[in-house]
Amino acid sequence: MSRADKRDTELRAMIETIGCELAIIRRAMPITRLRIEQARDRTGLTSLLCPALDEIDDVSRSASVIGDQVTAALAKLKE
């Protein structure tokens, strides 16, 4: 296996930073979803908060796709 050049090292650091930020999003989303559910249940603001829950689900799915791409990019750098 050859040594990574400066470009590969910098690219790896950038991708790893994306992965770390993504981990923060993944950790926060379930808590945010729970808070919105609780607000909906306690206030009865269903028409306002149900679309917000749908948006939270969209963000969570997107975060999952991004995570897969980060993993694939890091694997490609190891080749």
N, C-alpha and C. Protein backbone atom coordinates (compact mmCIF):
# COMPACT_ATOMS: atom_id res chain seq x y z
N MET A 1 0.84 -1.17 0.00
CA MET A 1 0.00 0.00 0.00
C MET A 1 0.89 1.24 0.00
N SER A 2 0.59 2.17 -0.89
CA SER A 2 1.40 3.38 -0.96
C SER A 2 0.96 4.38 0.10
N ARG A 3 1.88 5.29 0.39
CA ARG A 3 1.58 6.33 1.37
C ARG A 3 0.64 7.36 0.78
N ALA A 4 -0.27 7.86 1.60
CA ALA A 4 -1.20 8.89 1.14
C ALA A 4 -0.44 10.19 0.92
N ASP A 5 -0.75 10.85 -0.20
CA ASP A 5 -0.12 12.15 -0.44
C ASP A 5 -0.89 13.24 0.32
N LYS A 6 -0.40 14.47 0.22
CA LYS A 6 -0.99 15.57 0.97
C LYS A 6 -2.45 15.78 0.57
N ARG A 7 -2.75 15.68 -0.70
CA ARG A 7 -4.13 15.86 -1.18
C ARG A 7 -5.06 14.83 -0.56
N ASP A 8 -4.65 13.57 -0.56
CA ASP A 8 -5.47 12.52 0.04
C ASP A 8 -5.67 12.74 1.53
N THR A 9 -4.63 13.18 2.20
CA THR A 9 -4.71 13.44 3.64
C THR A 9 -5.69 14.57 3.93
N GLU A 10 -5.61 15.63 3.14
CA GLU A 10 -6.52 16.76 3.33
C GLU A 10 -7.96 16.36 3.01
N LEU A 11 -8.13 15.59 1.94
CA LEU A 11 -9.47 15.13 1.56
C LEU A 11 -10.06 14.23 2.65
N ARG A 12 -9.25 13.36 3.19
CA ARG A 12 -9.69 12.47 4.27
C ARG A 12 -10.12 13.28 5.49
N ALA A 13 -9.37 14.30 5.83
CA ALA A 13 -9.70 15.15 6.98
C ALA A 13 -11.04 15.86 6.74
N MET A 14 -11.25 16.33 5.52
CA MET A 14 -12.51 17.01 5.20
C MET A 14 -13.69 16.05 5.31
N ILE A 15 -13.52 14.85 4.77
CA ILE A 15 -14.60 13.86 4.82
C ILE A 15 -14.87 13.43 6.25
N GLU A 16 -13.83 13.27 7.04
CA GLU A 16 -14.02 12.90 8.44
C GLU A 16 -14.74 14.00 9.21
N THR A 17 -14.47 15.26 8.87
CA THR A 17 -15.18 16.37 9.50
C THR A 17 -16.66 16.31 9.17
N ILE A 18 -16.97 16.02 7.91
CA ILE A 18 -18.36 15.85 7.50
C ILE A 18 -19.01 14.73 8.33
N GLY A 19 -18.29 13.64 8.49
CA GLY A 19 -18.81 12.52 9.28
C GLY A 19 -19.08 12.90 10.72
N CYS A 20 -18.19 13.69 11.29
CA CYS A 20 -18.38 14.13 12.69
C CYS A 20 -19.60 15.05 12.82
N GLU A 21 -19.74 15.97 11.90
CA GLU A 21 -20.90 16.86 11.93
C GLU A 21 -22.19 16.07 11.73
N LEU A 22 -22.12 15.08 10.86
CA LEU A 22 -23.27 14.22 10.62
C LEU A 22 -23.66 13.44 11.88
N ALA A 23 -22.68 13.01 12.63
CA ALA A 23 -22.95 12.30 13.89
C ALA A 23 -23.72 13.19 14.86
N ILE A 24 -23.40 14.48 14.88
CA ILE A 24 -24.12 15.42 15.74
C ILE A 24 -25.58 15.52 15.30
N ILE A 25 -25.78 15.61 13.98
CA ILE A 25 -27.15 15.67 13.45
C ILE A 25 -27.92 14.41 13.81
N ARG A 26 -27.29 13.26 13.61
CA ARG A 26 -27.96 11.99 13.90
C ARG A 26 -28.31 11.86 15.38
N ARG A 27 -27.49 12.42 16.23
CA ARG A 27 -27.76 12.35 17.67
C ARG A 27 -28.90 13.31 18.04
N ALA A 28 -28.97 14.45 17.40
CA ALA A 28 -29.96 15.46 17.75
C ALA A 28 -31.35 15.17 17.19
N MET A 29 -31.43 14.54 16.05
CA MET A 29 -32.72 14.37 15.37
C MET A 29 -33.75 13.59 16.19
N PRO A 30 -33.41 12.47 16.79
CA PRO A 30 -34.44 11.76 17.58
C PRO A 30 -34.95 12.59 18.76
N ILE A 31 -34.07 13.36 19.37
CA ILE A 31 -34.49 14.19 20.51
C ILE A 31 -35.41 15.31 20.03
N THR A 32 -35.06 15.91 18.90
CA THR A 32 -35.90 16.96 18.34
C THR A 32 -37.26 16.40 17.94
N ARG A 33 -37.25 15.21 17.35
CA ARG A 33 -38.52 14.57 16.96
C ARG A 33 -39.38 14.32 18.19
N LEU A 34 -38.78 13.82 19.26
CA LEU A 34 -39.52 13.57 20.50
C LEU A 34 -40.12 14.86 21.05
N ARG A 35 -39.36 15.94 21.04
CA ARG A 35 -39.86 17.21 21.55
C ARG A 35 -41.05 17.71 20.73
N ILE A 36 -40.97 17.55 19.41
CA ILE A 36 -42.08 17.97 18.56
C ILE A 36 -43.31 17.10 18.83
N GLU A 37 -43.10 15.79 18.99
CA GLU A 37 -44.22 14.90 19.31
C GLU A 37 -44.88 15.30 20.63
N GLN A 38 -44.05 15.59 21.62
CA GLN A 38 -44.59 15.99 22.92
C GLN A 38 -45.36 17.30 22.81
N ALA A 39 -44.83 18.23 22.06
CA ALA A 39 -45.52 19.52 21.88
C ALA A 39 -46.85 19.30 21.17
N ARG A 40 -46.86 18.46 20.15
CA ARG A 40 -48.10 18.14 19.43
C ARG A 40 -49.13 17.53 20.39
N ASP A 41 -48.69 16.56 21.16
CA ASP A 41 -49.61 15.85 22.06
C ASP A 41 -50.12 16.74 23.18
N ARG A 42 -49.28 17.64 23.68
CA ARG A 42 -49.67 18.48 24.81
C ARG A 42 -50.49 19.70 24.39
N THR A 43 -50.28 20.16 23.16
CA THR A 43 -50.95 21.39 22.75
C THR A 43 -52.10 21.17 21.77
N GLY A 44 -52.09 20.02 21.11
CA GLY A 44 -53.12 19.77 20.11
C GLY A 44 -52.87 20.50 18.79
N LEU A 45 -51.68 21.02 18.60
CA LEU A 45 -51.34 21.74 17.37
C LEU A 45 -50.92 20.76 16.27
N THR A 46 -51.77 19.81 16.01
CA THR A 46 -51.47 18.73 15.06
C THR A 46 -51.20 19.25 13.66
N SER A 47 -52.03 20.16 13.17
CA SER A 47 -51.86 20.64 11.80
C SER A 47 -50.56 21.42 11.63
N LEU A 48 -50.04 21.98 12.68
CA LEU A 48 -48.77 22.70 12.62
C LEU A 48 -47.58 21.76 12.79
N LEU A 49 -47.69 20.82 13.73
CA LEU A 49 -46.53 20.03 14.13
C LEU A 49 -46.36 18.73 13.35
N CYS A 50 -47.43 18.18 12.78
CA CYS A 50 -47.26 16.97 11.97
C CYS A 50 -46.39 17.20 10.74
N PRO A 51 -46.55 18.32 10.03
CA PRO A 51 -45.62 18.58 8.92
C PRO A 51 -44.17 18.73 9.40
N ALA A 52 -43.98 19.27 10.58
CA ALA A 52 -42.63 19.39 11.12
C ALA A 52 -42.03 18.01 11.37
N LEU A 53 -42.85 17.08 11.84
CA LEU A 53 -42.38 15.71 12.04
C LEU A 53 -42.01 15.06 10.71
N ASP A 54 -42.80 15.33 9.67
CA ASP A 54 -42.46 14.82 8.34
C ASP A 54 -41.12 15.37 7.87
N GLU A 55 -40.88 16.65 8.13
CA GLU A 55 -39.61 17.27 7.75
C GLU A 55 -38.44 16.67 8.53
N ILE A 56 -38.67 16.39 9.80
CA ILE A 56 -37.64 15.74 10.62
C ILE A 56 -37.29 14.37 10.02
N ASP A 57 -38.32 13.64 9.60
CA ASP A 57 -38.08 12.33 8.99
C ASP A 57 -37.29 12.47 7.68
N ASP A 58 -37.60 13.50 6.89
CA ASP A 58 -36.85 13.75 5.65
C ASP A 58 -35.38 14.03 5.94
N VAL A 59 -35.13 14.85 6.95
CA VAL A 59 -33.75 15.18 7.32
C VAL A 59 -33.02 13.92 7.80
N SER A 60 -33.70 13.11 8.58
CA SER A 60 -33.08 11.87 9.07
C SER A 60 -32.71 10.93 7.93
N ARG A 61 -33.62 10.81 6.94
CA ARG A 61 -33.32 9.97 5.78
C ARG A 61 -32.13 10.54 4.99
N SER A 62 -32.11 11.84 4.82
CA SER A 62 -31.00 12.48 4.11
C SER A 62 -29.68 12.28 4.85
N ALA A 63 -29.72 12.37 6.16
CA ALA A 63 -28.51 12.15 6.96
C ALA A 63 -28.00 10.73 6.78
N SER A 64 -28.91 9.79 6.65
CA SER A 64 -28.52 8.40 6.42
C SER A 64 -27.82 8.24 5.07
N VAL A 65 -28.37 8.88 4.04
CA VAL A 65 -27.76 8.83 2.71
C VAL A 65 -26.37 9.48 2.74
N ILE A 66 -26.28 10.62 3.40
CA ILE A 66 -24.98 11.29 3.51
C ILE A 66 -23.98 10.39 4.22
N GLY A 67 -24.42 9.73 5.29
CA GLY A 67 -23.54 8.82 6.02
C GLY A 67 -23.02 7.70 5.13
N ASP A 68 -23.89 7.15 4.30
CA ASP A 68 -23.47 6.11 3.37
C ASP A 68 -22.42 6.64 2.39
N GLN A 69 -22.63 7.86 1.92
CA GLN A 69 -21.69 8.45 0.97
C GLN A 69 -20.33 8.75 1.63
N VAL A 70 -20.37 9.20 2.87
CA VAL A 70 -19.12 9.45 3.61
C VAL A 70 -18.35 8.15 3.78
N THR A 71 -19.05 7.10 4.15
CA THR A 71 -18.41 5.80 4.31
C THR A 71 -17.80 5.32 3.00
N ALA A 72 -18.54 5.49 1.90
CA ALA A 72 -18.03 5.07 0.59
C ALA A 72 -16.82 5.90 0.18
N ALA A 73 -16.87 7.19 0.44
CA ALA A 73 -15.73 8.06 0.07
C ALA A 73 -14.48 7.70 0.86
N LEU A 74 -14.64 7.42 2.15
CA LEU A 74 -13.49 7.05 2.97
C LEU A 74 -12.92 5.71 2.51
N ALA A 75 -13.79 4.79 2.15
CA ALA A 75 -13.32 3.47 1.65
C ALA A 75 -12.56 3.65 0.34
N LYS A 76 -13.03 4.53 -0.52
CA LYS A 76 -12.37 4.78 -1.79
C LYS A 76 -10.98 5.38 -1.58
N LEU A 77 -10.85 6.22 -0.57
CA LEU A 77 -9.54 6.79 -0.27
C LEU A 77 -8.54 5.74 0.20
N LYS A 78 -9.02 4.68 0.80
CA LYS A 78 -8.14 3.61 1.28
C LYS A 78 -7.60 2.75 0.15
N GLU A 79 -8.26 2.79 -1.02
CA GLU A 79 -7.83 1.96 -2.16
C GLU A 79 -6.46 2.36 -2.65
